[in-house]
Amino acid sequence: MLKYVRVAAVAAVVLIASLESSARAQSIQSVALQKMANSQAQLMAADRQKKMLADADALVAKAQQLKIAVDQTRKDQLSVEVIRQADEIEKLAKAVKDRMRQ
């Protein structure tokens, strides 16, 4: 009977040790996954920032072009090109605004 108790105790110790090592492995995997997710999030944020800057630069350039076009028109006449440029600026401004909200 004592022999069976010892075998059961050894088996319990082995089981506990294997569960602890399994828990450690899962913990290591969890930390690795968190680091990978953080890295991916940082890359996405950097890419988003680059796109916002590029869109903002394009917005400024288009606004300057529109000002030049409006300055060249007469006060009682607007060209279709000026209206088209204004629409493009509006769309780009909305895209920049939406990207900032993400």
Foldseek 3Di string as FASTA:
>chain_A
DVVVVVVVVVVVVVVVVVVVVVVVVVVVVVVVVVVVVVVVVVVVVVVLVVVLVVLVVVLVVLVVVLVVQVVPDDPVDDDPVSVVSVVVSVVSVVVSVVSVVD
